[in-house]
Amino acid sequence: MQILTLFLVALVALEHVGIAALEMFAKPEVQANAFDMPVGFVKTKEAQTSLSNQGIYNGMFGVLIMLMILFFTGSTLKIILILMMLYIIVVAVYGAFTATKKIIYMQGLPAFIALIFVIIFYH
């Protein structure tokens, strides 16, 4: 079950790298659809700058999760993964209240499932 747990956490990390790619490189129409924003707004320079900035955070966070899996083990990794999954859940809840409700399902739910697996199955 530990392998499955790490696999689920890695999927959460990859999701964040994918979100980063969407925020940084996707066409404005795709971004607008993904984030429930008006296309006209997303096409503005300010929105593109903001999305790119948010994207680099998401991407680096995904990379950080993967690096933690590679470089740490045991109780240290368990604590790190719990904290990281909790961080994602808190951010997803905030995003659901301030941006779009689907964030709680798209980002929060996978992190919550991974968190449960880390708590129960990772030793």
PDB file of N, CA and C in Angstrom:
ATOM      1  N   MET A   1       0.810  -1.204   0.000  1.00  0.00           N
ATOM      2  CA  MET A   1       0.000   0.000   0.000  1.00  0.00           C
ATOM      3  C   MET A   1       0.857   1.275   0.000  1.00  0.00           C
ATOM      4  N   GLN A   2       2.101   1.134   0.483  1.00  0.00           N
ATOM      5  CA  GLN A   2       2.973   2.312   0.469  1.00  0.00           C
ATOM      6  C   GLN A   2       3.260   2.774  -0.954  1.00  0.00           C
ATOM      7  N   ILE A   3       3.436   1.821  -1.854  1.00  0.00           N
ATOM      8  CA  ILE A   3       3.704   2.175  -3.258  1.00  0.00           C
ATOM      9  C   ILE A   3       2.489   2.898  -3.845  1.00  0.00           C
ATOM     10  N   LEU A   4       1.295   2.374  -3.583  1.00  0.00           N
ATOM     11  CA  LEU A   4       0.072   3.019  -4.054  1.00  0.00           C
ATOM     12  C   LEU A   4      -0.051   4.426  -3.470  1.00  0.00           C
ATOM     13  N   THR A   5       0.268   4.575  -2.214  1.00  0.00           N
ATOM     14  CA  THR A   5       0.214   5.881  -1.550  1.00  0.00           C
ATOM     15  C   THR A   5       1.147   6.870  -2.237  1.00  0.00           C
ATOM     16  N   LEU A   6       2.384   6.454  -2.478  1.00  0.00           N
ATOM     17  CA  LEU A   6       3.344   7.342  -3.146  1.00  0.00           C
ATOM     18  C   LEU A   6       2.913   7.636  -4.579  1.00  0.00           C
ATOM     19  N   PHE A   7       2.297   6.669  -5.218  1.00  0.00           N
ATOM     20  CA  PHE A   7       1.777   6.869  -6.580  1.00  0.00           C
ATOM     21  C   PHE A   7       0.684   7.939  -6.566  1.00  0.00           C
ATOM     22  N   LEU A   8      -0.231   7.868  -5.604  1.00  0.00           N
ATOM     23  CA  LEU A   8      -1.302   8.867  -5.508  1.00  0.00           C
ATOM     24  C   LEU A   8      -0.733  10.263  -5.240  1.00  0.00           C
ATOM     25  N   VAL A   9       0.255  10.338  -4.367  1.00  0.00           N
ATOM     26  CA  VAL A   9       0.889  11.627  -4.087  1.00  0.00           C
ATOM     27  C   VAL A   9       1.596  12.140  -5.343  1.00  0.00           C
ATOM     28  N   ALA A  10       2.252  11.264  -6.069  1.00  0.00           N
ATOM     29  CA  ALA A  10       2.921  11.662  -7.313  1.00  0.00           C
ATOM     30  C   ALA A  10       1.903  12.166  -8.341  1.00  0.00           C
ATOM     31  N   LEU A  11       0.723  11.561  -8.373  1.00  0.00           N
ATOM     32  CA  LEU A  11      -0.325  12.046  -9.277  1.00  0.00           C
ATOM     33  C   LEU A  11      -0.759  13.464  -8.901  1.00  0.00           C
ATOM     34  N   VAL A  12      -0.857  13.734  -7.624  1.00  0.00           N
ATOM     35  CA  VAL A  12      -1.179  15.091  -7.166  1.00  0.00           C
ATOM     36  C   VAL A  12      -0.081  16.054  -7.625  1.00  0.00           C
ATOM     37  N   ALA A  13       1.170  15.639  -7.500  1.00  0.00           N
ATOM     38  CA  ALA A  13       2.289  16.474  -7.945  1.00  0.00           C
ATOM     39  C   ALA A  13       2.213  16.728  -9.447  1.00  0.00           C
ATOM     40  N   LEU A  14       1.951  15.677 -10.211  1.00  0.00           N
ATOM     41  CA  LEU A  14       1.845  15.830 -11.665  1.00  0.00           C
ATOM     42  C   LEU A  14       0.663  16.717 -12.046  1.00  0.00           C
ATOM     43  N   GLU A  15      -0.414  16.621 -11.285  1.00  0.00           N
ATOM     44  CA  GLU A  15      -1.561  17.494 -11.533  1.00  0.00           C
ATOM     45  C   GLU A  15      -1.143  18.958 -11.409  1.00  0.00           C
ATOM     46  N   HIS A  16      -0.321  19.257 -10.412  1.00  0.00           N
ATOM     47  CA  HIS A  16       0.123  20.640 -10.219  1.00  0.00           C
ATOM     48  C   HIS A  16       1.054  21.099 -11.338  1.00  0.00           C
ATOM     49  N   VAL A  17       1.859  20.203 -11.840  1.00  0.00           N
ATOM     50  CA  VAL A  17       2.699  20.547 -12.994  1.00  0.00           C
ATOM     51  C   VAL A  17       1.805  20.803 -14.217  1.00  0.00           C
ATOM     52  N   GLY A  18       0.773  19.988 -14.374  1.00  0.00           N
ATOM     53  CA  GLY A  18      -0.178  20.185 -15.470  1.00  0.00           C
ATOM     54  C   GLY A  18      -0.938  21.489 -15.345  1.00  0.00           C
ATOM     55  N   ILE A  19      -1.358  21.821 -14.137  1.00  0.00           N
ATOM     56  CA  ILE A  19      -2.038  23.099 -13.897  1.00  0.00           C
ATOM     57  C   ILE A  19      -1.103  24.255 -14.232  1.00  0.00           C
ATOM     58  N   ALA A  20       0.155  24.101 -13.873  1.00  0.00           N
ATOM     59  CA  ALA A  20       1.147  25.137 -14.192  1.00  0.00           C
ATOM     60  C   ALA A  20       1.250  25.331 -15.702  1.00  0.00           C
ATOM     61  N   ALA A  21       1.300  24.240 -16.436  1.00  0.00           N
ATOM     62  CA  ALA A  21       1.378  24.333 -17.899  1.00  0.00           C
ATOM     63  C   ALA A  21       0.144  25.043 -18.454  1.00  0.00           C
ATOM     64  N   LEU A  22      -1.010  24.715 -17.906  1.00  0.00           N
ATOM     65  CA  LEU A  22      -2.246  25.361 -18.331  1.00  0.00           C
ATOM     66  C   LEU A  22      -2.216  26.862 -18.026  1.00  0.00           C
ATOM     67  N   GLU A  23      -1.787  27.204 -16.835  1.00  0.00           N
ATOM     68  CA  GLU A  23      -1.748  28.611 -16.437  1.00  0.00           C
ATOM     69  C   GLU A  23      -0.699  29.404 -17.207  1.00  0.00           C
ATOM     70  N   MET A  24       0.392  28.758 -17.566  1.00  0.00           N
ATOM     71  CA  MET A  24       1.490  29.485 -18.195  1.00  0.00           C
ATOM     72  C   MET A  24       1.478  29.457 -19.724  1.00  0.00           C
ATOM     73  N   PHE A  25       0.991  28.364 -20.322  1.00  0.00           N
ATOM     74  CA  PHE A  25       1.193  28.186 -21.755  1.00  0.00           C
ATOM     75  C   PHE A  25      -0.069  27.964 -22.589  1.00  0.00           C
ATOM     76  N   ALA A  26      -1.205  27.703 -21.958  1.00  0.00           N
ATOM     77  CA  ALA A  26      -2.419  27.419 -22.723  1.00  0.00           C
ATOM     78  C   ALA A  26      -2.949  28.695 -23.375  1.00  0.00           C
ATOM     79  N   LYS A  27      -3.760  28.508 -24.394  1.00  0.00           N
ATOM     80  CA  LYS A  27      -4.417  29.636 -25.048  1.00  0.00           C
ATOM     81  C   LYS A  27      -5.434  30.252 -24.087  1.00  0.00           C
ATOM     82  N   PRO A  28      -5.654  31.549 -24.192  1.00  0.00           N
ATOM     83  CA  PRO A  28      -6.598  32.210 -23.289  1.00  0.00           C
ATOM     84  C   PRO A  28      -7.991  31.569 -23.267  1.00  0.00           C
ATOM     85  N   GLU A  29      -8.456  31.063 -24.386  1.00  0.00           N
ATOM     86  CA  GLU A  29      -9.773  30.423 -24.426  1.00  0.00           C
ATOM     87  C   GLU A  29      -9.810  29.180 -23.543  1.00  0.00           C
ATOM     88  N   VAL A  30      -8.732  28.427 -23.564  1.00  0.00           N
ATOM     89  CA  VAL A  30      -8.628  27.226 -22.729  1.00  0.00           C
ATOM     90  C   VAL A  30      -8.524  27.620 -21.258  1.00  0.00           C
ATOM     91  N   GLN A  31      -7.728  28.621 -20.981  1.00  0.00           N
ATOM     92  CA  GLN A  31      -7.586  29.106 -19.604  1.00  0.00           C
ATOM     93  C   GLN A  31      -8.920  29.620 -19.065  1.00  0.00           C
ATOM     94  N   ALA A  32      -9.625  30.395 -19.884  1.00  0.00           N
ATOM     95  CA  ALA A  32     -10.908  30.947 -19.459  1.00  0.00           C
ATOM     96  C   ALA A  32     -11.893  29.831 -19.128  1.00  0.00           C
ATOM     97  N   ASN A  33     -11.924  28.812 -19.953  1.00  0.00           N
ATOM     98  CA  ASN A  33     -12.814  27.678 -19.707  1.00  0.00           C
ATOM     99  C   ASN A  33     -12.404  26.917 -18.446  1.00  0.00           C
ATOM    100  N   ALA A  34     -11.124  26.697 -18.285  1.00  0.00           N
ATOM    101  CA  ALA A  34     -10.628  25.929 -17.140  1.00  0.00           C
ATOM    102  C   ALA A  34     -10.872  26.639 -15.823  1.00  0.00           C
ATOM    103  N   PHE A  35     -10.757  27.957 -15.824  1.00  0.00           N
ATOM    104  CA  PHE A  35     -10.837  28.712 -14.578  1.00  0.00           C
ATOM    105  C   PHE A  35     -12.130  29.516 -14.439  1.00  0.00           C
ATOM    106  N   ASP A  36     -13.095  29.247 -15.309  1.00  0.00           N
ATOM    107  CA  ASP A  36     -14.393  29.932 -15.263  1.00  0.00           C
ATOM    108  C   ASP A  36     -14.250  31.449 -15.238  1.00  0.00           C
ATOM    109  N   MET A  37     -13.457  31.961 -16.182  1.00  0.00           N
ATOM    110  CA  MET A  37     -13.247  33.411 -16.287  1.00  0.00           C
ATOM    111  C   MET A  37     -13.660  33.863 -17.684  1.00  0.00           C
ATOM    112  N   PRO A  38     -14.049  35.122 -17.830  1.00  0.00           N
ATOM    113  CA  PRO A  38     -14.365  35.642 -19.168  1.00  0.00           C
ATOM    114  C   PRO A  38     -13.108  35.665 -20.050  1.00  0.00           C
ATOM    115  N   VAL A  39     -13.268  35.275 -21.305  1.00  0.00           N
ATOM    116  CA  VAL A  39     -12.128  35.224 -22.227  1.00  0.00           C
ATOM    117  C   VAL A  39     -11.492  36.612 -22.372  1.00  0.00           C
ATOM    118  N   GLY A  40     -12.317  37.634 -22.452  1.00  0.00           N
ATOM    119  CA  GLY A  40     -11.794  38.993 -22.591  1.00  0.00           C
ATOM    120  C   GLY A  40     -10.866  39.369 -21.449  1.00  0.00           C
ATOM    121  N   PHE A  41     -11.237  38.961 -20.245  1.00  0.00           N
ATOM    122  CA  PHE A  41     -10.389  39.232 -19.078  1.00  0.00           C
ATOM    123  C   PHE A  41      -9.087  38.440 -19.164  1.00  0.00           C
ATOM    124  N   VAL A  42      -9.183  37.164 -19.496  1.00  0.00           N
ATOM    125  CA  VAL A  42      -8.002  36.296 -19.534  1.00  0.00           C
ATOM    126  C   VAL A  42      -7.003  36.769 -20.589  1.00  0.00           C
ATOM    127  N   LYS A  43      -7.491  37.406 -21.632  1.00  0.00           N
ATOM    128  CA  LYS A  43      -6.596  37.884 -22.696  1.00  0.00           C
ATOM    129  C   LYS A  43      -5.816  39.133 -22.298  1.00  0.00           C
ATOM    130  N   THR A  44      -6.186  39.776 -21.205  1.00  0.00           N
ATOM    131  CA  THR A  44      -5.464  40.989 -20.813  1.00  0.00           C
ATOM    132  C   THR A  44      -4.055  40.646 -20.337  1.00  0.00           C
ATOM    133  N   LYS A  45      -3.164  41.613 -20.524  1.00  0.00           N
ATOM    134  CA  LYS A  45      -1.776  41.414 -20.112  1.00  0.00           C
ATOM    135  C   LYS A  45      -1.684  41.142 -18.611  1.00  0.00           C
ATOM    136  N   GLU A  46      -2.493  41.849 -17.834  1.00  0.00           N
ATOM    137  CA  GLU A  46      -2.462  41.680 -16.378  1.00  0.00           C
ATOM    138  C   GLU A  46      -2.897  40.274 -15.965  1.00  0.00           C
ATOM    139  N   ALA A  47      -3.944  39.773 -16.603  1.00  0.00           N
ATOM    140  CA  ALA A  47      -4.409  38.419 -16.284  1.00  0.00           C
ATOM    141  C   ALA A  47      -3.374  37.384 -16.704  1.00  0.00           C
ATOM    142  N   GLN A  48      -2.768  37.565 -17.857  1.00  0.00           N
ATOM    143  CA  GLN A  48      -1.745  36.621 -18.320  1.00  0.00           C
ATOM    144  C   GLN A  48      -0.534  36.621 -17.385  1.00  0.00           C
ATOM    145  N   THR A  49      -0.149  37.809 -16.928  1.00  0.00           N
ATOM    146  CA  THR A  49       0.961  37.904 -15.976  1.00  0.00           C
ATOM    147  C   THR A  49       0.610  37.194 -14.673  1.00  0.00           C
ATOM    148  N   SER A  50      -0.601  37.437 -14.196  1.00  0.00           N
ATOM    149  CA  SER A  50      -1.055  36.808 -12.954  1.00  0.00           C
ATOM    150  C   SER A  50      -1.130  35.284 -13.087  1.00  0.00           C
ATOM    151  N   LEU A  51      -1.683  34.804 -14.196  1.00  0.00           N
ATOM    152  CA  LEU A  51      -1.770  33.354 -14.417  1.00  0.00           C
ATOM    153  C   LEU A  51      -0.372  32.729 -14.509  1.00  0.00           C
ATOM    154  N   SER A  52       0.539  33.399 -15.188  1.00  0.00           N
ATOM    155  CA  SER A  52       1.903  32.869 -15.288  1.00  0.00           C
ATOM    156  C   SER A  52       2.568  32.803 -13.923  1.00  0.00           C
ATOM    157  N   ASN A  53       2.369  33.830 -13.124  1.00  0.00           N
ATOM    158  CA  ASN A  53       2.939  33.852 -11.782  1.00  0.00           C
ATOM    159  C   ASN A  53       2.353  32.723 -10.931  1.00  0.00           C
ATOM    160  N   GLN A  54       1.049  32.561 -11.002  1.00  0.00           N
ATOM    161  CA  GLN A  54       0.393  31.474 -10.270  1.00  0.00           C
ATOM    162  C   GLN A  54       0.869  30.121 -10.792  1.00  0.00           C
ATOM    163  N   GLY A  55       1.085  30.047 -12.096  1.00  0.00           N
ATOM    164  CA  GLY A  55       1.543  28.808 -12.708  1.00  0.00           C
ATOM    165  C   GLY A  55       2.914  28.372 -12.213  1.00  0.00           C
ATOM    166  N   ILE A  56       3.824  29.316 -12.076  1.00  0.00           N
ATOM    167  CA  ILE A  56       5.160  28.935 -11.612  1.00  0.00           C
ATOM    168  C   ILE A  56       5.100  28.416 -10.182  1.00  0.00           C
ATOM    169  N   TYR A  57       4.214  28.961  -9.370  1.00  0.00           N
ATOM    170  CA  TYR A  57       4.039  28.447  -8.008  1.00  0.00           C
ATOM    171  C   TYR A  57       3.508  27.012  -8.034  1.00  0.00           C
ATOM    172  N   ASN A  58       2.468  26.786  -8.828  1.00  0.00           N
ATOM    173  CA  ASN A  58       1.911  25.437  -8.914  1.00  0.00           C
ATOM    174  C   ASN A  58       2.935  24.446  -9.449  1.00  0.00           C
ATOM    175  N   GLY A  59       3.654  24.845 -10.491  1.00  0.00           N
ATOM    176  CA  GLY A  59       4.651  23.952 -11.079  1.00  0.00           C
ATOM    177  C   GLY A  59       5.775  23.607 -10.116  1.00  0.00           C
ATOM    178  N   MET A  60       6.283  24.611  -9.452  1.00  0.00           N
ATOM    179  CA  MET A  60       7.372  24.363  -8.514  1.00  0.00           C
ATOM    180  C   MET A  60       6.897  23.557  -7.312  1.00  0.00           C
ATOM    181  N   PHE A  61       5.641  23.750  -6.906  1.00  0.00           N
ATOM    182  CA  PHE A  61       5.116  22.959  -5.803  1.00  0.00           C
ATOM    183  C   PHE A  61       5.008  21.489  -6.214  1.00  0.00           C
ATOM    184  N   GLY A  62       4.559  21.244  -7.444  1.00  0.00           N
ATOM    185  CA  GLY A  62       4.511  19.872  -7.950  1.00  0.00           C
ATOM    186  C   GLY A  62       5.890  19.233  -7.998  1.00  0.00           C
ATOM    187  N   VAL A  63       6.872  19.988  -8.475  1.00  0.00           N
ATOM    188  CA  VAL A  63       8.254  19.492  -8.523  1.00  0.00           C
ATOM    189  C   VAL A  63       8.762  19.227  -7.108  1.00  0.00           C
ATOM    190  N   LEU A  64       8.463  20.115  -6.181  1.00  0.00           N
ATOM    191  CA  LEU A  64       8.886  19.942  -4.789  1.00  0.00           C
ATOM    192  C   LEU A  64       8.316  18.655  -4.187  1.00  0.00           C
ATOM    193  N   ILE A  65       7.056  18.372  -4.442  1.00  0.00           N
ATOM    194  CA  ILE A  65       6.457  17.130  -3.935  1.00  0.00           C
ATOM    195  C   ILE A  65       7.213  15.923  -4.486  1.00  0.00           C
ATOM    196  N   MET A  66       7.503  15.941  -5.789  1.00  0.00           N
ATOM    197  CA  MET A  66       8.227  14.813  -6.389  1.00  0.00           C
ATOM    198  C   MET A  66       9.636  14.678  -5.803  1.00  0.00           C
ATOM    199  N   LEU A  67      10.295  15.796  -5.573  1.00  0.00           N
ATOM    200  CA  LEU A  67      11.634  15.747  -4.974  1.00  0.00           C
ATOM    201  C   LEU A  67      11.589  15.194  -3.557  1.00  0.00           C
ATOM    202  N   MET A  68      10.569  15.560  -2.809  1.00  0.00           N
ATOM    203  CA  MET A  68      10.434  15.031  -1.440  1.00  0.00           C
ATOM    204  C   MET A  68      10.284  13.510  -1.464  1.00  0.00           C
ATOM    205  N   ILE A  69       9.521  13.001  -2.421  1.00  0.00           N
ATOM    206  CA  ILE A  69       9.347  11.551  -2.554  1.00  0.00           C
ATOM    207  C   ILE A  69      10.691  10.882  -2.859  1.00  0.00           C
ATOM    208  N   LEU A  70      11.504  11.553  -3.663  1.00  0.00           N
ATOM    209  CA  LEU A  70      12.795  10.975  -4.051  1.00  0.00           C
ATOM    210  C   LEU A  70      13.849  11.047  -2.952  1.00  0.00           C
ATOM    211  N   PHE A  71      13.834  12.109  -2.150  1.00  0.00           N
ATOM    212  CA  PHE A  71      14.931  12.346  -1.219  1.00  0.00           C
ATOM    213  C   PHE A  71      14.662  12.002   0.243  1.00  0.00           C
ATOM    214  N   PHE A  72      13.402  11.779   0.597  1.00  0.00           N
ATOM    215  CA  PHE A  72      13.092  11.479   1.989  1.00  0.00           C
ATOM    216  C   PHE A  72      12.345  10.154   2.105  1.00  0.00           C
ATOM    217  N   THR A  73      12.413   9.559   3.281  1.00  0.00           N
ATOM    218  CA  THR A  73      11.709   8.299   3.550  1.00  0.00           C
ATOM    219  C   THR A  73      11.167   8.332   4.976  1.00  0.00           C
ATOM    220  N   GLY A  74      10.433   7.295   5.312  1.00  0.00           N
ATOM    221  CA  GLY A  74       9.999   7.082   6.690  1.00  0.00           C
ATOM    222  C   GLY A  74       9.127   8.179   7.251  1.00  0.00           C
ATOM    223  N   SER A  75       9.275   8.412   8.554  1.00  0.00           N
ATOM    224  CA  SER A  75       8.415   9.370   9.249  1.00  0.00           C
ATOM    225  C   SER A  75       8.636  10.805   8.766  1.00  0.00           C
ATOM    226  N   THR A  76       9.848  11.116   8.331  1.00  0.00           N
ATOM    227  CA  THR A  76      10.120  12.456   7.800  1.00  0.00           C
ATOM    228  C   THR A  76       9.281  12.702   6.559  1.00  0.00           C
ATOM    229  N   LEU A  77       9.282  11.747   5.630  1.00  0.00           N
ATOM    230  CA  LEU A  77       8.484  11.890   4.413  1.00  0.00           C
ATOM    231  C   LEU A  77       6.996  11.937   4.748  1.00  0.00           C
ATOM    232  N   LYS A  78       6.566  11.122   5.684  1.00  0.00           N
ATOM    233  CA  LYS A  78       5.151  11.107   6.052  1.00  0.00           C
ATOM    234  C   LYS A  78       4.707  12.488   6.537  1.00  0.00           C
ATOM    235  N   ILE A  79       5.481  13.111   7.403  1.00  0.00           N
ATOM    236  CA  ILE A  79       5.133  14.438   7.917  1.00  0.00           C
ATOM    237  C   ILE A  79       5.129  15.465   6.780  1.00  0.00           C
ATOM    238  N   ILE A  80       6.132  15.419   5.921  1.00  0.00           N
ATOM    239  CA  ILE A  80       6.210  16.346   4.792  1.00  0.00           C
ATOM    240  C   ILE A  80       4.990  16.185   3.893  1.00  0.00           C
ATOM    241  N   LEU A  81       4.629  14.940   3.568  1.00  0.00           N
ATOM    242  CA  LEU A  81       3.495  14.707   2.672  1.00  0.00           C
ATOM    243  C   LEU A  81       2.175  15.124   3.303  1.00  0.00           C
ATOM    244  N   ILE A  82       2.018  14.884   4.589  1.00  0.00           N
ATOM    245  CA  ILE A  82       0.809  15.332   5.283  1.00  0.00           C
ATOM    246  C   ILE A  82       0.696  16.856   5.190  1.00  0.00           C
ATOM    247  N   LEU A  83       1.780  17.536   5.483  1.00  0.00           N
ATOM    248  CA  LEU A  83       1.758  19.001   5.429  1.00  0.00           C
ATOM    249  C   LEU A  83       1.477  19.516   4.018  1.00  0.00           C
ATOM    250  N   MET A  84       2.085  18.887   3.022  1.00  0.00           N
ATOM    251  CA  MET A  84       1.878  19.330   1.643  1.00  0.00           C
ATOM    252  C   MET A  84       0.443  19.084   1.177  1.00  0.00           C
ATOM    253  N   MET A  85      -0.110  17.941   1.522  1.00  0.00           N
ATOM    254  CA  MET A  85      -1.488  17.654   1.125  1.00  0.00           C
ATOM    255  C   MET A  85      -2.460  18.584   1.851  1.00  0.00           C
ATOM    256  N   LEU A  86      -2.188  18.869   3.128  1.00  0.00           N
ATOM    257  CA  LEU A  86      -3.022  19.824   3.866  1.00  0.00           C
ATOM    258  C   LEU A  86      -2.947  21.216   3.234  1.00  0.00           C
ATOM    259  N   TYR A  87      -1.767  21.608   2.822  1.00  0.00           N
ATOM    260  CA  TYR A  87      -1.580  22.891   2.150  1.00  0.00           C
ATOM    261  C   TYR A  87      -2.459  22.966   0.908  1.00  0.00           C
ATOM    262  N   ILE A  88      -2.425  21.920   0.089  1.00  0.00           N
ATOM    263  CA  ILE A  88      -3.225  21.900  -1.139  1.00  0.00           C
ATOM    264  C   ILE A  88      -4.711  21.966  -0.817  1.00  0.00           C
ATOM    265  N   ILE A  89      -5.130  21.256   0.209  1.00  0.00           N
ATOM    266  CA  ILE A  89      -6.548  21.255   0.593  1.00  0.00           C
ATOM    267  C   ILE A  89      -6.979  22.649   1.039  1.00  0.00           C
ATOM    268  N   VAL A  90      -6.179  23.307   1.854  1.00  0.00           N
ATOM    269  CA  VAL A  90      -6.502  24.659   2.308  1.00  0.00           C
ATOM    270  C   VAL A  90      -6.585  25.616   1.119  1.00  0.00           C
ATOM    271  N   VAL A  91      -5.624  25.535   0.219  1.00  0.00           N
ATOM    272  CA  VAL A  91      -5.623  26.398  -0.964  1.00  0.00           C
ATOM    273  C   VAL A  91      -6.846  26.103  -1.841  1.00  0.00           C
ATOM    274  N   ALA A  92      -7.212  24.838  -1.975  1.00  0.00           N
ATOM    275  CA  ALA A  92      -8.378  24.469  -2.776  1.00  0.00           C
ATOM    276  C   ALA A  92      -9.671  25.001  -2.159  1.00  0.00           C
ATOM    277  N   VAL A  93      -9.775  24.927  -0.853  1.00  0.00           N
ATOM    278  CA  VAL A  93     -10.966  25.469  -0.174  1.00  0.00           C
ATOM    279  C   VAL A  93     -11.040  26.975  -0.400  1.00  0.00           C
ATOM    280  N   TYR A  94      -9.928  27.651  -0.235  1.00  0.00           N
ATOM    281  CA  TYR A  94      -9.897  29.094  -0.471  1.00  0.00           C
ATOM    282  C   TYR A  94     -10.271  29.406  -1.919  1.00  0.00           C
ATOM    283  N   GLY A  95      -9.719  28.658  -2.851  1.00  0.00           N
ATOM    284  CA  GLY A  95     -10.031  28.853  -4.263  1.00  0.00           C
ATOM    285  C   GLY A  95     -11.497  28.600  -4.574  1.00  0.00           C
ATOM    286  N   ALA A  96     -12.093  27.639  -3.901  1.00  0.00           N
ATOM    287  CA  ALA A  96     -13.515  27.354  -4.109  1.00  0.00           C
ATOM    288  C   ALA A  96     -14.379  28.527  -3.655  1.00  0.00           C
ATOM    289  N   PHE A  97     -13.963  29.202  -2.596  1.00  0.00           N
ATOM    290  CA  PHE A  97     -14.723  30.356  -2.108  1.00  0.00           C
ATOM    291  C   PHE A  97     -14.470  31.614  -2.933  1.00  0.00           C
ATOM    292  N   THR A  98     -13.260  31.754  -3.468  1.00  0.00           N
ATOM    293  CA  THR A  98     -12.903  33.015  -4.125  1.00  0.00           C
ATOM    294  C   THR A  98     -12.891  32.958  -5.646  1.00  0.00           C
ATOM    295  N   ALA A  99     -12.720  31.789  -6.232  1.00  0.00           N
ATOM    296  CA  ALA A  99     -12.599  31.711  -7.692  1.00  0.00           C
ATOM    297  C   ALA A  99     -13.718  30.857  -8.305  1.00  0.00           C
ATOM    298  N   THR A 100     -13.590  29.551  -8.204  1.00  0.00           N
ATOM    299  CA  THR A 100     -14.598  28.654  -8.774  1.00  0.00           C
ATOM    300  C   THR A 100     -14.732  27.414  -7.905  1.00  0.00           C
ATOM    301  N   LYS A 101     -15.948  26.958  -7.760  1.00  0.00           N
ATOM    302  CA  LYS A 101     -16.234  25.808  -6.882  1.00  0.00           C
ATOM    303  C   LYS A 101     -15.523  24.532  -7.331  1.00  0.00           C
ATOM    304  N   LYS A 102     -15.264  24.414  -8.631  1.00  0.00           N
ATOM    305  CA  LYS A 102     -14.674  23.153  -9.109  1.00  0.00           C
ATOM    306  C   LYS A 102     -13.245  22.926  -8.621  1.00  0.00           C
ATOM    307  N   ILE A 103     -12.603  23.970  -8.089  1.00  0.00           N
ATOM    308  CA  ILE A 103     -11.246  23.799  -7.553  1.00  0.00           C
ATOM    309  C   ILE A 103     -11.244  22.789  -6.404  1.00  0.00           C
ATOM    310  N   ILE A 104     -12.288  22.816  -5.591  1.00  0.00           N
ATOM    311  CA  ILE A 104     -12.340  21.901  -4.450  1.00  0.00           C
ATOM    312  C   ILE A 104     -12.349  20.445  -4.920  1.00  0.00           C
ATOM    313  N   TYR A 105     -12.971  20.195  -6.061  1.00  0.00           N
ATOM    314  CA  TYR A 105     -13.026  18.827  -6.600  1.00  0.00           C
ATOM    315  C   TYR A 105     -11.780  18.488  -7.405  1.00  0.00           C
ATOM    316  N   MET A 106     -11.304  19.436  -8.184  1.00  0.00           N
ATOM    317  CA  MET A 106     -10.178  19.167  -9.080  1.00  0.00           C
ATOM    318  C   MET A 106      -8.834  19.115  -8.350  1.00  0.00           C
ATOM    319  N   GLN A 107      -8.644  19.956  -7.353  1.00  0.00           N
ATOM    320  CA  GLN A 107      -7.383  19.972  -6.626  1.00  0.00           C
ATOM    321  C   GLN A 107      -7.524  19.434  -5.203  1.00  0.00           C
ATOM    322  N   GLY A 108      -8.582  19.821  -4.542  1.00  0.00           N
ATOM    323  CA  GLY A 108      -8.743  19.432  -3.142  1.00  0.00           C
ATOM    324  C   GLY A 108      -9.034  17.960  -2.939  1.00  0.00           C
ATOM    325  N   LEU A 109      -9.921  17.392  -3.752  1.00  0.00           N
ATOM    326  CA  LEU A 109     -10.293  15.992  -3.581  1.00  0.00           C
ATOM    327  C   LEU A 109      -9.121  15.032  -3.797  1.00  0.00           C
ATOM    328  N   PRO A 110      -8.345  15.173  -4.887  1.00  0.00           N
ATOM    329  CA  PRO A 110      -7.186  14.269  -5.028  1.00  0.00           C
ATOM    330  C   PRO A 110      -6.197  14.396  -3.858  1.00  0.00           C
ATOM    331  N   ALA A 111      -5.970  15.615  -3.399  1.00  0.00           N
ATOM    332  CA  ALA A 111      -5.060  15.812  -2.263  1.00  0.00           C
ATOM    333  C   ALA A 111      -5.642  15.201  -0.989  1.00  0.00           C
ATOM    334  N   PHE A 112      -6.960  15.301  -0.811  1.00  0.00           N
ATOM    335  CA  PHE A 112      -7.600  14.720   0.362  1.00  0.00           C
ATOM    336  C   PHE A 112      -7.482  13.195   0.348  1.00  0.00           C
ATOM    337  N   ILE A 113      -7.710  12.599  -0.807  1.00  0.00           N
ATOM    338  CA  ILE A 113      -7.575  11.135  -0.934  1.00  0.00           C
ATOM    339  C   ILE A 113      -6.138  10.725  -0.652  1.00  0.00           C
ATOM    340  N   ALA A 114      -5.179  11.449  -1.239  1.00  0.00           N
ATOM    341  CA  ALA A 114      -3.766  11.147  -0.996  1.00  0.00           C
ATOM    342  C   ALA A 114      -3.426  11.317   0.483  1.00  0.00           C
ATOM    343  N   LEU A 115      -3.963  12.348   1.116  1.00  0.00           N
ATOM    344  CA  LEU A 115      -3.728  12.579   2.540  1.00  0.00           C
ATOM    345  C   LEU A 115      -4.217  11.399   3.373  1.00  0.00           C
ATOM    346  N   ILE A 116      -5.403  10.918   3.098  1.00  0.00           N
ATOM    347  CA  ILE A 116      -5.945   9.766   3.832  1.00  0.00           C
ATOM    348  C   ILE A 116      -5.023   8.557   3.665  1.00  0.00           C
ATOM    349  N   PHE A 117      -4.574   8.324   2.432  1.00  0.00           N
ATOM    350  CA  PHE A 117      -3.669   7.199   2.186  1.00  0.00           C
ATOM    351  C   PHE A 117      -2.350   7.373   2.928  1.00  0.00           C
ATOM    352  N   VAL A 118      -1.803   8.588   2.927  1.00  0.00           N
ATOM    353  CA  VAL A 118      -0.537   8.832   3.643  1.00  0.00           C
ATOM    354  C   VAL A 118      -0.730   8.560   5.131  1.00  0.00           C
ATOM    355  N   ILE A 119      -1.796   9.068   5.702  1.00  0.00           N
ATOM    356  CA  ILE A 119      -2.024   8.896   7.135  1.00  0.00           C
ATOM    357  C   ILE A 119      -2.214   7.427   7.501  1.00  0.00           C
ATOM    358  N   ILE A 120      -2.979   6.703   6.697  1.00  0.00           N
ATOM    359  CA  ILE A 120      -3.314   5.319   7.042  1.00  0.00           C
ATOM    360  C   ILE A 120      -2.240   4.311   6.623  1.00  0.00           C
ATOM    361  N   PHE A 121      -1.706   4.473   5.429  1.00  0.00           N
ATOM    362  CA  PHE A 121      -0.886   3.393   4.847  1.00  0.00           C
ATOM    363  C   PHE A 121       0.615   3.648   4.787  1.00  0.00           C
ATOM    364  N   TYR A 122       1.052   4.897   4.975  1.00  0.00           N
ATOM    365  CA  TYR A 122       2.490   5.149   4.867  1.00  0.00           C
ATOM    366  C   TYR A 122       3.131   5.018   6.255  1.00  0.00           C
ATOM    367  N   HIS A 123       4.174   4.199   6.357  1.00  0.00           N
ATOM    368  CA  HIS A 123       4.843   3.958   7.649  1.00  0.00           C
ATOM    369  C   HIS A 123       6.210   4.606   7.680  1.00  0.00           C
TER     370      HIS A 123
END
